[in-house]
Amino acid sequence: MSPQNGIHGTARPAKPPPRRRIGALLRFPVGVLLVSWEYMWRVTALHRSEADGDHGDLPPLLPDELVDDLTQALNEGAGPMFHRRFSVRIEGAVLGPEELMEAVAADLNRPAPSAVAVFHKTRGADGPARVGDEYRVQMPGPWDGPVRVLHSDSASLRLGTLRGHLEAGQIRFSARRDGDAVHFQVEAWSRAGDRWADILYSRLRVTKEIQFNMWVHFALGVATLAGGRARGGVDISTRRIPAELCRGTDRWGRSSVAAGSG
């Protein structure tokens, strides 16, 4: 049987077989140790908060033209969803918000922690991230993270997960002016991609902490890229959304709860 193709004629990424997924239980802690070592020696203040979420925490709808057989939709994941925001106020920035987002889109590896994530463009022209481009995010363990660019403008860049990703969801990077500073934010909507990942993600919390450290490092890397410093540290908010709300969405992210409420 021929492989199913996506919008670019790309074969569906293969989901790791059970043996490799079980192997993640052994190899993912290595990634945790790498980022935790840096976490222990970091002097930047981290301000964490956690709360229960609701329907308002669901991610933006997926664009019709970018939904295909490669899409790993939120309703296809497992377990609860976590809506997380990682925010920094960058003082003394040389780059303004638009210049900063241009620099981030030009090379996602510049602010990313190489010990945890390396972005490889697998579809699209050389150069900055453009709508429809695809990347393979190389991560610790047997899972790599295929993603597709869903939206890009002067203020934000949004990616969505594809088949074979550890998670199902979206990630958005955005920047705006905040007085005489620049406010940068990483906003993630993610749940485990399957039941194996759910063991690592919401039960053992291994990948949840890897994600936490990864995006903290990314936000601080963006502050460095901007030529300034993260004043006051990094603010991290996490909201936990029940699995039932995720299962109640379709492939585009439309919620039956919202539709029924009028």
C-alpha atoms as a PDB file:
ATOM      1  CA  MET A   1       0.000   0.000   0.000  1.00  0.00           C
ATOM      2  CA  SER A   2       1.382   3.405  -0.947  1.00  0.00           C
ATOM      3  CA  PRO A   3       1.936   5.911   1.890  1.00  0.00           C
ATOM      4  CA  GLN A   4      -0.613   8.629   2.482  1.00  0.00           C
ATOM      5  CA  ASN A   5       0.578  12.046   1.460  1.00  0.00           C
ATOM      6  CA  GLY A   6       0.209  15.475   3.011  1.00  0.00           C
ATOM      7  CA  ILE A   7      -0.203  18.879   1.395  1.00  0.00           C
ATOM      8  CA  HIS A   8       3.371  18.719   0.120  1.00  0.00           C
ATOM      9  CA  GLY A   9       3.233  15.111  -1.064  1.00  0.00           C
ATOM     10  CA  THR A  10       5.155  14.027   2.017  1.00  0.00           C
ATOM     11  CA  ALA A  11       4.816  10.460   3.307  1.00  0.00           C
ATOM     12  CA  ARG A  12       3.185  10.189   6.722  1.00  0.00           C
ATOM     13  CA  PRO A  13       5.890  10.173   9.430  1.00  0.00           C
ATOM     14  CA  ALA A  14       6.035   6.752  11.021  1.00  0.00           C
ATOM     15  CA  LYS A  15       5.041   6.513  14.688  1.00  0.00           C
ATOM     16  CA  PRO A  16       7.802   4.819  16.683  1.00  0.00           C
ATOM     17  CA  PRO A  17       7.139   1.103  17.293  1.00  0.00           C
ATOM     18  CA  PRO A  18       6.360  -0.072  20.854  1.00  0.00           C
ATOM     19  CA  ARG A  19       9.951  -1.214  21.493  1.00  0.00           C
ATOM     20  CA  ARG A  20      11.310   2.248  20.744  1.00  0.00           C
ATOM     21  CA  ARG A  21       8.560   3.934  22.754  1.00  0.00           C
ATOM     22  CA  ILE A  22       9.330   1.735  25.752  1.00  0.00           C
ATOM     23  CA  GLY A  23      12.979   2.665  25.251  1.00  0.00           C
ATOM     24  CA  ALA A  24      11.985   6.269  25.879  1.00  0.00           C
ATOM     25  CA  LEU A  25      11.372   5.379  29.507  1.00  0.00           C
ATOM     26  CA  LEU A  26      15.103   4.652  29.745  1.00  0.00           C
ATOM     27  CA  ARG A  27      16.575   7.310  27.468  1.00  0.00           C
ATOM     28  CA  PHE A  28      14.432  10.363  28.190  1.00  0.00           C
ATOM     29  CA  PRO A  29      15.904  10.849  31.685  1.00  0.00           C
ATOM     30  CA  VAL A  30      19.224  11.611  29.974  1.00  0.00           C
ATOM     31  CA  GLY A  31      17.606  14.659  28.426  1.00  0.00           C
ATOM     32  CA  VAL A  32      16.196  15.611  31.809  1.00  0.00           C
ATOM     33  CA  LEU A  33      19.665  15.433  33.353  1.00  0.00           C
ATOM     34  CA  LEU A  34      21.113  17.670  30.636  1.00  0.00           C
ATOM     35  CA  VAL A  35      18.596  20.439  31.102  1.00  0.00           C
ATOM     36  CA  SER A  36      18.354  19.967  34.876  1.00  0.00           C
ATOM     37  CA  TRP A  37      22.108  20.474  35.242  1.00  0.00           C
ATOM     38  CA  GLU A  38      21.800  23.879  33.613  1.00  0.00           C
ATOM     39  CA  TYR A  39      18.613  24.536  35.609  1.00  0.00           C
ATOM     40  CA  MET A  40      20.462  23.945  38.896  1.00  0.00           C
ATOM     41  CA  TRP A  41      23.124  26.488  38.015  1.00  0.00           C
ATOM     42  CA  ARG A  42      20.816  29.095  36.533  1.00  0.00           C
ATOM     43  CA  VAL A  43      20.535  32.287  38.568  1.00  0.00           C
ATOM     44  CA  THR A  44      17.523  33.601  36.649  1.00  0.00           C
ATOM     45  CA  ALA A  45      14.387  33.830  38.783  1.00  0.00           C
ATOM     46  CA  LEU A  46      11.521  31.572  37.692  1.00  0.00           C
ATOM     47  CA  HIS A  47       7.975  32.419  38.749  1.00  0.00           C
ATOM     48  CA  ARG A  48       5.685  29.390  38.357  1.00  0.00           C
ATOM     49  CA  SER A  49       1.927  29.127  38.794  1.00  0.00           C
ATOM     50  CA  GLU A  50      -0.476  26.259  38.115  1.00  0.00           C
ATOM     51  CA  ALA A  51      -4.261  26.184  37.938  1.00  0.00           C
ATOM     52  CA  ASP A  52      -7.131  24.244  36.437  1.00  0.00           C
ATOM     53  CA  GLY A  53      -8.089  25.325  32.938  1.00  0.00           C
ATOM     54  CA  ASP A  54     -11.288  25.353  30.916  1.00  0.00           C
ATOM     55  CA  HIS A  55     -12.616  25.612  27.361  1.00  0.00           C
ATOM     56  CA  GLY A  56     -11.024  29.037  26.952  1.00  0.00           C
ATOM     57  CA  ASP A  57      -7.580  27.418  27.102  1.00  0.00           C
ATOM     58  CA  LEU A  58      -8.023  25.412  23.905  1.00  0.00           C
ATOM     59  CA  PRO A  59      -5.605  26.355  21.085  1.00  0.00           C
ATOM     60  CA  PRO A  60      -6.398  28.443  17.974  1.00  0.00           C
ATOM     61  CA  LEU A  61      -8.199  26.662  15.148  1.00  0.00           C
ATOM     62  CA  LEU A  62      -6.034  24.991  12.541  1.00  0.00           C
ATOM     63  CA  PRO A  63      -6.139  26.655   9.081  1.00  0.00           C
ATOM     64  CA  ASP A  64      -8.278  24.607   6.664  1.00  0.00           C
ATOM     65  CA  GLU A  65      -5.581  24.521   4.006  1.00  0.00           C
ATOM     66  CA  LEU A  66      -2.999  23.120   6.428  1.00  0.00           C
ATOM     67  CA  VAL A  67      -5.012  20.198   7.797  1.00  0.00           C
ATOM     68  CA  ASP A  68      -4.239  16.868   6.094  1.00  0.00           C
ATOM     69  CA  ASP A  69      -3.267  13.271   6.823  1.00  0.00           C
ATOM     70  CA  LEU A  70      -0.022  14.416   8.434  1.00  0.00           C
ATOM     71  CA  THR A  71      -1.772  16.601  11.017  1.00  0.00           C
ATOM     72  CA  GLN A  72      -1.612  15.335  14.590  1.00  0.00           C
ATOM     73  CA  ALA A  73      -4.717  17.000  15.948  1.00  0.00           C
ATOM     74  CA  LEU A  74      -5.394  17.716  19.606  1.00  0.00           C
ATOM     75  CA  ASN A  75      -8.259  15.227  19.742  1.00  0.00           C
ATOM     76  CA  GLU A  76      -5.931  12.443  18.610  1.00  0.00           C
ATOM     77  CA  GLY A  77      -3.682  12.760  21.658  1.00  0.00           C
ATOM     78  CA  ALA A  78      -3.953  11.145  25.083  1.00  0.00           C
ATOM     79  CA  GLY A  79      -4.460  12.472  28.590  1.00  0.00           C
ATOM     80  CA  PRO A  80      -4.971  16.082  29.715  1.00  0.00           C
ATOM     81  CA  MET A  81      -3.787  19.136  27.826  1.00  0.00           C
ATOM     82  CA  PHE A  82      -1.437  21.694  29.346  1.00  0.00           C
ATOM     83  CA  HIS A  83      -1.722  25.337  28.330  1.00  0.00           C
ATOM     84  CA  ARG A  84       1.574  26.975  29.243  1.00  0.00           C
ATOM     85  CA  ARG A  85       2.953  30.480  28.858  1.00  0.00           C
ATOM     86  CA  PHE A  86       6.636  31.372  29.269  1.00  0.00           C
ATOM     87  CA  SER A  87       7.075  35.146  29.346  1.00  0.00           C
ATOM     88  CA  VAL A  88      10.074  37.455  29.621  1.00  0.00           C
ATOM     89  CA  ARG A  89      10.356  41.230  29.731  1.00  0.00           C
ATOM     90  CA  ILE A  90      13.505  42.105  27.797  1.00  0.00           C
ATOM     91  CA  GLU A  91      15.166  45.339  28.853  1.00  0.00           C
ATOM     92  CA  GLY A  92      17.941  47.029  26.894  1.00  0.00           C
ATOM     93  CA  ALA A  93      16.981  45.154  23.730  1.00  0.00           C
ATOM     94  CA  VAL A  94      18.764  46.223  20.569  1.00  0.00           C
ATOM     95  CA  LEU A  95      16.046  44.628  18.435  1.00  0.00           C
ATOM     96  CA  GLY A  96      12.442  45.785  18.462  1.00  0.00           C
ATOM     97  CA  PRO A  97       9.532  43.268  18.487  1.00  0.00           C
ATOM     98  CA  GLU A  98       9.305  42.945  14.698  1.00  0.00           C
ATOM     99  CA  GLU A  99      13.071  42.657  14.254  1.00  0.00           C
ATOM    100  CA  LEU A 100      13.190  40.098  17.033  1.00  0.00           C
ATOM    101  CA  MET A 101      10.475  37.909  15.496  1.00  0.00           C
ATOM    102  CA  GLU A 102      12.252  38.169  12.148  1.00  0.00           C
ATOM    103  CA  ALA A 103      15.451  36.900  13.797  1.00  0.00           C
ATOM    104  CA  VAL A 104      13.611  34.033  15.533  1.00  0.00           C
ATOM    105  CA  ALA A 105      11.911  32.959  12.292  1.00  0.00           C
ATOM    106  CA  ALA A 106      15.226  33.202  10.417  1.00  0.00           C
ATOM    107  CA  ASP A 107      16.847  30.517  12.580  1.00  0.00           C
ATOM    108  CA  LEU A 108      14.910  28.721  15.318  1.00  0.00           C
ATOM    109  CA  ASN A 109      18.121  27.084  16.516  1.00  0.00           C
ATOM    110  CA  ARG A 110      19.676  30.363  17.682  1.00  0.00           C
ATOM    111  CA  PRO A 111      17.577  30.667  20.862  1.00  0.00           C
ATOM    112  CA  ALA A 112      16.870  26.915  21.248  1.00  0.00           C
ATOM    113  CA  PRO A 113      18.841  24.808  23.788  1.00  0.00           C
ATOM    114  CA  SER A 114      20.821  22.429  21.574  1.00  0.00           C
ATOM    115  CA  ALA A 115      20.987  19.767  24.317  1.00  0.00           C
ATOM    116  CA  VAL A 116      17.212  19.322  24.101  1.00  0.00           C
ATOM    117  CA  ALA A 117      16.014  20.467  20.678  1.00  0.00           C
ATOM    118  CA  VAL A 118      17.570  21.003  17.250  1.00  0.00           C
ATOM    119  CA  PHE A 119      15.363  22.223  14.379  1.00  0.00           C
ATOM    120  CA  HIS A 120      15.945  20.658  10.938  1.00  0.00           C
ATOM    121  CA  LYS A 121      13.882  22.044   8.060  1.00  0.00           C
ATOM    122  CA  THR A 122      12.488  19.113   6.069  1.00  0.00           C
ATOM    123  CA  ARG A 123      10.076  20.919   3.735  1.00  0.00           C
ATOM    124  CA  GLY A 124      10.254  24.403   2.285  1.00  0.00           C
ATOM    125  CA  ALA A 125      12.824  26.735   0.795  1.00  0.00           C
ATOM    126  CA  ASP A 126      16.028  27.705   2.555  1.00  0.00           C
ATOM    127  CA  GLY A 127      15.679  30.752   4.727  1.00  0.00           C
ATOM    128  CA  PRO A 128      13.212  31.813   7.411  1.00  0.00           C
ATOM    129  CA  ALA A 129      10.201  29.824   8.577  1.00  0.00           C
ATOM    130  CA  ARG A 130       7.246  30.353   6.249  1.00  0.00           C
ATOM    131  CA  VAL A 131       3.665  29.099   6.367  1.00  0.00           C
ATOM    132  CA  GLY A 132       3.579  25.489   5.183  1.00  0.00           C
ATOM    133  CA  ASP A 133       7.251  24.799   5.967  1.00  0.00           C
ATOM    134  CA  GLU A 134       7.953  21.679   8.007  1.00  0.00           C
ATOM    135  CA  TYR A 135      10.645  20.917  10.571  1.00  0.00           C
ATOM    136  CA  ARG A 136      11.872  17.852  12.398  1.00  0.00           C
ATOM    137  CA  VAL A 137      12.748  18.814  15.958  1.00  0.00           C
ATOM    138  CA  GLN A 138      15.433  16.422  17.160  1.00  0.00           C
ATOM    139  CA  MET A 139      14.902  15.649  20.846  1.00  0.00           C
ATOM    140  CA  PRO A 140      16.298  13.208  23.455  1.00  0.00           C
ATOM    141  CA  GLY A 141      14.907   9.692  23.199  1.00  0.00           C
ATOM    142  CA  PRO A 142      13.381   7.832  20.254  1.00  0.00           C
ATOM    143  CA  TRP A 143      10.801  10.499  19.370  1.00  0.00           C
ATOM    144  CA  ASP A 144      11.592  13.338  17.012  1.00  0.00           C
ATOM    145  CA  GLY A 145       9.126  16.185  16.741  1.00  0.00           C
ATOM    146  CA  PRO A 146       7.788  16.879  13.239  1.00  0.00           C
ATOM    147  CA  VAL A 147       5.988  20.230  13.074  1.00  0.00           C
ATOM    148  CA  ARG A 148       4.479  22.502  10.423  1.00  0.00           C
ATOM    149  CA  VAL A 149       4.385  26.305  10.327  1.00  0.00           C
ATOM    150  CA  LEU A 150       0.719  27.317  10.645  1.00  0.00           C
ATOM    151  CA  HIS A 151       1.052  31.092  10.841  1.00  0.00           C
ATOM    152  CA  SER A 152       3.756  33.716  10.523  1.00  0.00           C
ATOM    153  CA  ASP A 153       3.641  37.498  10.652  1.00  0.00           C
ATOM    154  CA  SER A 154       5.659  40.373  12.097  1.00  0.00           C
ATOM    155  CA  ALA A 155       4.352  39.703  15.613  1.00  0.00           C
ATOM    156  CA  SER A 156       4.152  35.910  15.916  1.00  0.00           C
ATOM    157  CA  LEU A 157       5.091  32.469  14.614  1.00  0.00           C
ATOM    158  CA  ARG A 158       2.883  29.406  15.238  1.00  0.00           C
ATOM    159  CA  LEU A 159       3.709  25.736  14.726  1.00  0.00           C
ATOM    160  CA  GLY A 160       1.499  22.636  14.819  1.00  0.00           C
ATOM    161  CA  THR A 161       2.429  19.020  15.490  1.00  0.00           C
ATOM    162  CA  LEU A 162       2.508  16.313  12.801  1.00  0.00           C
ATOM    163  CA  ARG A 163       2.199  12.524  12.957  1.00  0.00           C
ATOM    164  CA  GLY A 164       4.926  10.893  15.028  1.00  0.00           C
ATOM    165  CA  HIS A 165       5.400  13.863  17.391  1.00  0.00           C
ATOM    166  CA  LEU A 166       5.616  13.167  21.112  1.00  0.00           C
ATOM    167  CA  GLU A 167       2.854  15.722  21.618  1.00  0.00           C
ATOM    168  CA  ALA A 168      -0.366  16.788  19.952  1.00  0.00           C
ATOM    169  CA  GLY A 169      -0.906  20.523  19.893  1.00  0.00           C
ATOM    170  CA  GLN A 170       0.547  23.870  18.926  1.00  0.00           C
ATOM    171  CA  ILE A 171       3.278  26.308  19.951  1.00  0.00           C
ATOM    172  CA  ARG A 172       3.328  30.054  19.363  1.00  0.00           C
ATOM    173  CA  PHE A 173       6.178  32.554  19.720  1.00  0.00           C
ATOM    174  CA  SER A 174       5.233  36.229  19.920  1.00  0.00           C
ATOM    175  CA  ALA A 175       6.764  39.604  20.720  1.00  0.00           C
ATOM    176  CA  ARG A 176       5.313  43.031  21.456  1.00  0.00           C
ATOM    177  CA  ARG A 177       6.399  46.388  22.777  1.00  0.00           C
ATOM    178  CA  ASP A 178       6.099  46.752  26.593  1.00  0.00           C
ATOM    179  CA  GLY A 179       6.887  50.361  27.439  1.00  0.00           C
ATOM    180  CA  ASP A 180      10.615  50.789  26.885  1.00  0.00           C
ATOM    181  CA  ALA A 181      11.098  47.001  26.857  1.00  0.00           C
ATOM    182  CA  VAL A 182      10.118  44.054  24.653  1.00  0.00           C
ATOM    183  CA  HIS A 183       7.755  41.359  25.899  1.00  0.00           C
ATOM    184  CA  PHE A 184       8.416  37.894  24.442  1.00  0.00           C
ATOM    185  CA  GLN A 185       6.226  34.874  25.043  1.00  0.00           C
ATOM    186  CA  VAL A 186       6.242  31.171  24.243  1.00  0.00           C
ATOM    187  CA  GLU A 187       2.699  29.798  24.421  1.00  0.00           C
ATOM    188  CA  ALA A 188       2.161  26.039  24.215  1.00  0.00           C
ATOM    189  CA  TRP A 189      -0.996  23.975  23.954  1.00  0.00           C
ATOM    190  CA  SER A 190       0.042  20.331  24.257  1.00  0.00           C
ATOM    191  CA  ARG A 191      -1.076  16.896  25.350  1.00  0.00           C
ATOM    192  CA  ALA A 192       0.654  13.551  24.930  1.00  0.00           C
ATOM    193  CA  GLY A 193       0.634  12.243  21.361  1.00  0.00           C
ATOM    194  CA  ASP A 194      -0.368   8.714  22.410  1.00  0.00           C
ATOM    195  CA  ARG A 195      -0.750   6.560  25.525  1.00  0.00           C
ATOM    196  CA  TRP A 196       2.981   5.770  25.658  1.00  0.00           C
ATOM    197  CA  ALA A 197       3.845   9.439  25.620  1.00  0.00           C
ATOM    198  CA  ASP A 198       1.137  10.044  28.239  1.00  0.00           C
ATOM    199  CA  ILE A 199       3.068   7.808  30.638  1.00  0.00           C
ATOM    200  CA  LEU A 200       6.100  10.050  30.202  1.00  0.00           C
ATOM    201  CA  TYR A 201       4.200  13.308  29.974  1.00  0.00           C
ATOM    202  CA  SER A 202       1.458  13.566  32.576  1.00  0.00           C
ATOM    203  CA  ARG A 203       2.110  10.492  34.708  1.00  0.00           C
ATOM    204  CA  LEU A 204       5.879  10.368  35.172  1.00  0.00           C
ATOM    205  CA  ARG A 205       6.150  14.092  34.268  1.00  0.00           C
ATOM    206  CA  VAL A 206       9.456  13.433  32.502  1.00  0.00           C
ATOM    207  CA  THR A 207       8.686  15.118  29.194  1.00  0.00           C
ATOM    208  CA  LYS A 208       6.594  17.787  30.912  1.00  0.00           C
ATOM    209  CA  GLU A 209       9.727  18.905  32.765  1.00  0.00           C
ATOM    210  CA  ILE A 210      11.845  18.636  29.623  1.00  0.00           C
ATOM    211  CA  GLN A 211       9.337  20.908  27.885  1.00  0.00           C
ATOM    212  CA  PHE A 212       9.429  23.275  30.864  1.00  0.00           C
ATOM    213  CA  ASN A 213      13.212  23.602  30.791  1.00  0.00           C
ATOM    214  CA  MET A 214      13.337  23.747  27.008  1.00  0.00           C
ATOM    215  CA  TRP A 215      11.015  26.728  26.723  1.00  0.00           C
ATOM    216  CA  VAL A 216      12.576  28.536  29.684  1.00  0.00           C
ATOM    217  CA  HIS A 217      15.924  28.242  27.895  1.00  0.00           C
ATOM    218  CA  PHE A 218      14.328  29.304  24.614  1.00  0.00           C
ATOM    219  CA  ALA A 219      12.799  32.444  26.172  1.00  0.00           C
ATOM    220  CA  LEU A 220      16.125  33.381  27.750  1.00  0.00           C
ATOM    221  CA  GLY A 221      17.872  32.647  24.454  1.00  0.00           C
ATOM    222  CA  VAL A 222      15.527  35.071  22.718  1.00  0.00           C
ATOM    223  CA  ALA A 223      16.411  37.747  25.297  1.00  0.00           C
ATOM    224  CA  THR A 224      20.076  37.247  24.414  1.00  0.00           C
ATOM    225  CA  LEU A 225      19.226  37.292  20.703  1.00  0.00           C
ATOM    226  CA  ALA A 226      17.460  40.635  21.242  1.00  0.00           C
ATOM    227  CA  GLY A 227      20.634  42.054  22.768  1.00  0.00           C
ATOM    228  CA  GLY A 228      19.023  42.644  26.162  1.00  0.00           C
ATOM    229  CA  ARG A 229      18.333  40.812  29.413  1.00  0.00           C
ATOM    230  CA  ALA A 230      15.265  39.205  30.935  1.00  0.00           C
ATOM    231  CA  ARG A 231      14.389  41.636  33.685  1.00  0.00           C
ATOM    232  CA  GLY A 232      12.650  39.949  36.608  1.00  0.00           C
ATOM    233  CA  GLY A 233      13.243  36.433  35.313  1.00  0.00           C
ATOM    234  CA  VAL A 234      10.758  34.191  33.524  1.00  0.00           C
ATOM    235  CA  ASP A 235       7.049  33.952  34.327  1.00  0.00           C
ATOM    236  CA  ILE A 236       5.567  30.505  33.710  1.00  0.00           C
ATOM    237  CA  SER A 237       1.863  29.787  33.982  1.00  0.00           C
ATOM    238  CA  THR A 238       0.418  26.305  33.514  1.00  0.00           C
ATOM    239  CA  ARG A 239      -3.259  25.462  33.171  1.00  0.00           C
ATOM    240  CA  ARG A 240      -4.407  21.833  33.087  1.00  0.00           C
ATOM    241  CA  ILE A 241      -7.325  21.070  30.753  1.00  0.00           C
ATOM    242  CA  PRO A 242      -9.277  17.793  31.156  1.00  0.00           C
ATOM    243  CA  ALA A 243      -8.939  15.182  28.417  1.00  0.00           C
ATOM    244  CA  GLU A 244     -12.712  15.318  27.852  1.00  0.00           C
ATOM    245  CA  LEU A 245     -12.482  18.851  26.461  1.00  0.00           C
ATOM    246  CA  CYS A 246      -9.769  17.778  24.020  1.00  0.00           C
ATOM    247  CA  ARG A 247     -11.726  14.744  22.852  1.00  0.00           C
ATOM    248  CA  GLY A 248     -14.671  17.051  22.203  1.00  0.00           C
ATOM    249  CA  THR A 249     -12.824  18.883  19.410  1.00  0.00           C
ATOM    250  CA  ASP A 250     -12.595  17.972  15.727  1.00  0.00           C
ATOM    251  CA  ARG A 251      -9.480  17.845  13.517  1.00  0.00           C
ATOM    252  CA  TRP A 252      -9.477  21.633  13.123  1.00  0.00           C
ATOM    253  CA  GLY A 253      -9.843  22.211  16.859  1.00  0.00           C
ATOM    254  CA  ARG A 254     -13.499  23.234  16.744  1.00  0.00           C
ATOM    255  CA  SER A 255     -15.200  22.308  20.001  1.00  0.00           C
ATOM    256  CA  SER A 256     -18.608  20.672  20.202  1.00  0.00           C
ATOM    257  CA  VAL A 257     -19.013  22.403  23.561  1.00  0.00           C
ATOM    258  CA  ALA A 258     -18.628  25.795  21.901  1.00  0.00           C
ATOM    259  CA  ALA A 259     -20.941  24.824  19.068  1.00  0.00           C
ATOM    260  CA  GLY A 260     -23.593  23.621  21.473  1.00  0.00           C
ATOM    261  CA  SER A 261     -23.403  26.769  23.595  1.00  0.00           C
ATOM    262  CA  GLY A 262     -24.428  28.993  20.669  1.00  0.00           C
END
